[in-house]
């Protein structure tokens, strides 16, 4: 049941996103579009409640419950950024909006971008870790929690990878290529003396 609900929530996310953006840009009903987009967090709330009820009714804590926690964490940490990313492209494609802004490629600006991305991933992982830990405490000694612990390890690895990427752009910033200009003719011999 939990896996089906996760799939339903994911499909629902994209349906609500498409519907909200269509109302906003194609139907020229921005308030209705925002109202539909604000329904998105309800999907995660339904998944959270269903997962808690499933565990309360005696279900063995397994990978499905861990996946639900990770999905909710992703939605909290990265859902807004995903919506903004799709919104910019939808507005450009269907409503004559400006082209989406590309992330910076070089220097400090790129490092800042990578730190913001890492912060979103770390928030996502922290929410997932918190939900997983709550499930571990809830199950307690009465059940097998190894799969929940495995998901915690995966969340820590994901946070660590994003932290390492951001640090690498800070320590070794990517430099812009040197501008190519017309080659200068060598100075005459008499000027070199």
Protein backbone atom coordinates (compact mmCIF):
# COMPACT_ATOMS: atom_id res chain seq x y z
CA UNK A 1 0.00 0.00 0.00
CA UNK A 2 2.79 2.45 0.89
CA UNK A 3 4.61 2.03 -2.43
CA UNK A 4 1.35 2.60 -4.32
CA UNK A 5 0.71 5.71 -2.26
CA UNK A 6 4.22 7.01 -2.99
CA UNK A 7 3.61 6.52 -6.72
CA UNK A 8 0.21 8.23 -6.42
CA UNK A 9 1.83 11.15 -4.57
CA UNK A 10 4.53 11.51 -7.23
CA UNK A 11 2.01 11.40 -10.07
CA UNK A 12 -0.22 13.78 -8.10
CA UNK A 13 2.71 16.18 -7.65
CA UNK A 14 3.25 16.46 -11.41
CA UNK A 15 -0.49 16.62 -12.17
CA UNK A 16 -0.98 19.44 -9.66
CA UNK A 17 2.12 21.19 -10.97
CA UNK A 18 0.95 20.97 -14.59
CA UNK A 19 -2.57 22.02 -13.61
CA UNK A 20 -1.41 24.94 -11.49
CA UNK A 21 0.97 26.24 -14.15
CA UNK A 22 -1.64 25.77 -16.88
CA UNK A 23 -4.13 27.80 -14.89
CA UNK A 24 -1.50 30.42 -14.14
CA UNK A 25 -0.14 30.91 -17.64
CA UNK A 26 -2.51 29.41 -20.21
CA UNK A 27 -5.86 30.22 -18.62
CA UNK A 28 -4.56 33.55 -17.24
CA UNK A 29 -5.87 32.67 -13.76
CA UNK A 30 -2.83 33.25 -11.54
CA UNK A 31 -4.70 33.02 -8.22
CA UNK A 32 -6.33 29.73 -9.15
CA UNK A 33 -2.93 28.44 -10.29
CA UNK A 34 -1.33 29.36 -6.96
CA UNK A 35 -4.24 27.72 -5.10
CA UNK A 36 -3.65 24.48 -6.98
CA UNK A 37 0.10 24.66 -6.35
CA UNK A 38 -0.57 25.15 -2.63
CA UNK A 39 -2.30 21.75 -2.59
CA UNK A 40 1.06 20.06 -3.20
CA UNK A 41 2.05 19.76 0.50
CA UNK A 42 -1.19 17.91 1.18
CA UNK A 43 0.17 14.97 -0.79
CA UNK A 44 3.09 14.61 1.60
CA UNK A 45 0.79 15.00 4.60
CA UNK A 46 -1.41 12.17 3.31
CA UNK A 47 1.67 9.98 2.76
CA UNK A 48 2.99 10.79 6.24
CA UNK A 49 -0.33 9.95 7.90
CA UNK A 50 -0.75 6.74 5.90
CA UNK A 51 2.77 5.61 6.80
CA UNK A 52 2.20 6.34 10.49
CA UNK A 53 -1.12 4.44 10.44
CA UNK A 54 0.52 1.51 8.65
CA UNK A 55 3.20 1.28 11.35
CA UNK A 56 0.62 1.75 14.12
CA UNK A 57 -1.44 -1.12 12.76
CA UNK A 58 1.52 -3.43 13.25
CA UNK A 59 3.20 -3.42 9.85
CA UNK A 60 6.82 -4.47 9.92
CA UNK A 61 9.05 -1.43 9.31
CA UNK A 62 10.75 -2.05 5.99
CA UNK A 63 12.20 -0.29 2.93
CA UNK A 64 8.77 1.08 1.92
CA UNK A 65 8.48 3.11 5.11
CA UNK A 66 12.03 4.37 4.62
CA UNK A 67 11.25 5.33 1.03
CA UNK A 68 8.20 7.28 2.23
CA UNK A 69 10.38 9.23 4.69
CA UNK A 70 12.95 9.99 1.98
CA UNK A 71 10.21 11.08 -0.44
CA UNK A 72 8.76 13.44 2.15
CA UNK A 73 12.25 14.78 2.90
CA UNK A 74 12.89 15.39 -0.79
CA UNK A 75 9.58 17.21 -1.13
CA UNK A 76 10.34 19.46 1.84
CA UNK A 77 13.94 20.25 0.88
CA UNK A 78 13.75 20.31 -2.91
CA UNK A 79 10.07 20.58 -3.81
CA UNK A 80 10.00 24.37 -3.93
CA UNK A 81 13.15 24.52 -6.06
CA UNK A 82 11.68 21.93 -8.42
CA UNK A 83 8.49 23.95 -8.78
CA UNK A 84 10.46 27.15 -9.48
CA UNK A 85 12.60 25.33 -12.06
CA UNK A 86 9.55 23.98 -13.90
CA UNK A 87 7.69 27.30 -13.55
CA UNK A 88 10.49 29.24 -15.30
CA UNK A 89 10.57 26.80 -18.20
CA UNK A 90 6.77 26.62 -18.50
CA UNK A 91 6.49 30.42 -18.50
CA UNK A 92 9.18 30.69 -21.18
CA UNK A 93 7.73 27.94 -23.37
CA UNK A 94 4.01 28.70 -23.15
CA UNK A 95 3.62 32.28 -21.92
CA UNK A 96 6.40 34.22 -23.62
CA UNK A 97 8.37 34.61 -20.41
CA UNK A 98 12.09 35.29 -20.35
CA UNK A 99 14.47 32.40 -20.89
CA UNK A 100 15.28 30.56 -17.68
CA UNK A 101 18.36 31.83 -15.89
CA UNK A 102 21.20 29.35 -16.11
CA UNK A 103 23.33 28.78 -13.04
CA UNK A 104 26.69 30.54 -13.01
CA UNK A 105 29.59 28.53 -14.37
CA UNK A 106 32.64 30.04 -12.74
CA UNK A 107 34.21 31.45 -9.62
CA UNK A 108 32.54 32.55 -6.43
CA UNK A 109 29.11 32.77 -8.03
CA UNK A 110 29.28 29.06 -8.92
CA UNK A 111 30.46 28.18 -5.41
CA UNK A 112 27.53 30.10 -3.90
CA UNK A 113 25.14 28.29 -6.24
CA UNK A 114 26.57 24.91 -5.19
CA UNK A 115 26.27 25.79 -1.48
CA UNK A 116 22.60 26.73 -1.96
CA UNK A 117 21.99 23.44 -3.75
CA UNK A 118 23.82 21.55 -0.99
CA UNK A 119 21.75 23.35 1.66
CA UNK A 120 18.53 22.18 -0.01
CA UNK A 121 19.83 18.61 -0.16
CA UNK A 122 21.00 18.73 3.44
CA UNK A 123 17.58 19.99 4.54
CA UNK A 124 15.98 17.19 2.55
CA UNK A 125 18.24 14.61 4.18
CA UNK A 126 17.72 16.10 7.65
CA UNK A 127 13.94 15.83 7.32
CA UNK A 128 14.26 12.25 6.08
CA UNK A 129 16.66 11.39 8.91
CA UNK A 130 14.27 12.89 11.46
CA UNK A 131 11.30 10.94 10.12
CA UNK A 132 13.34 7.75 9.95
CA UNK A 133 14.55 8.23 13.52
CA UNK A 134 10.98 8.83 14.69
CA UNK A 135 9.99 5.55 13.02
CA UNK A 136 12.92 3.77 14.71
CA UNK A 137 11.81 5.05 18.10
CA UNK A 138 8.21 4.17 17.36
CA UNK A 139 9.06 0.61 16.37
CA UNK A 140 11.52 0.30 19.25
CA UNK A 141 12.87 -3.07 20.26
CA UNK A 142 9.74 -4.88 19.10
CA UNK A 143 10.65 -4.95 15.40
CA UNK A 144 13.38 -5.03 12.82
CA UNK A 145 14.68 -1.54 12.12
CA UNK A 146 17.62 -2.49 9.90
CA UNK A 147 15.96 -1.20 6.73
CA UNK A 148 15.21 2.15 8.39
CA UNK A 149 18.85 2.39 9.48
CA UNK A 150 19.93 1.57 5.91
CA UNK A 151 17.86 4.50 4.62
CA UNK A 152 19.47 6.74 7.24
CA UNK A 153 22.89 5.72 5.95
CA UNK A 154 21.83 6.51 2.36
CA UNK A 155 20.52 9.93 3.43
CA UNK A 156 23.81 10.71 5.19
CA UNK A 157 25.75 9.67 2.07
CA UNK A 158 23.58 11.91 -0.14
CA UNK A 159 24.13 14.86 2.22
CA UNK A 160 27.88 14.14 2.32
CA UNK A 161 28.16 14.01 -1.48
CA UNK A 162 26.42 17.38 -1.86
CA UNK A 163 28.58 18.87 0.87
CA UNK A 164 31.72 17.56 -0.85
CA UNK A 165 30.63 19.03 -4.19
CA UNK A 166 30.00 22.45 -2.64
CA UNK A 167 33.35 22.34 -0.82
CA UNK A 168 35.18 21.40 -4.02
CA UNK A 169 33.80 24.48 -5.81
CA UNK A 170 34.94 26.60 -2.86
CA UNK A 171 38.43 25.13 -2.58
CA UNK A 172 39.02 24.74 -6.32
CA UNK A 173 36.79 27.31 -8.02
CA UNK A 174 36.32 26.77 -11.71
CA UNK A 175 37.93 29.65 -13.58
CA UNK A 176 36.52 31.27 -16.68
CA UNK A 177 38.54 30.59 -19.80
CA UNK A 178 40.92 33.35 -20.84
CA UNK A 179 39.37 35.61 -23.44
CA UNK A 180 40.60 34.93 -26.93
CA UNK A 181 41.75 38.02 -28.73
CA UNK A 182 43.54 38.71 -32.00
CA UNK A 183 47.13 37.59 -31.89
CA UNK A 184 49.55 40.46 -31.64
CA UNK A 185 52.30 40.69 -34.21
CA UNK A 186 55.79 40.39 -32.77
CA UNK A 187 57.54 43.67 -32.22
CA UNK A 188 60.12 44.67 -34.83
CA UNK A 189 63.68 43.80 -33.98
CA UNK A 190 64.71 47.42 -33.58
CA UNK A 191 62.11 47.93 -30.84
CA UNK A 192 63.37 44.94 -28.89
CA UNK A 193 66.87 46.43 -28.50
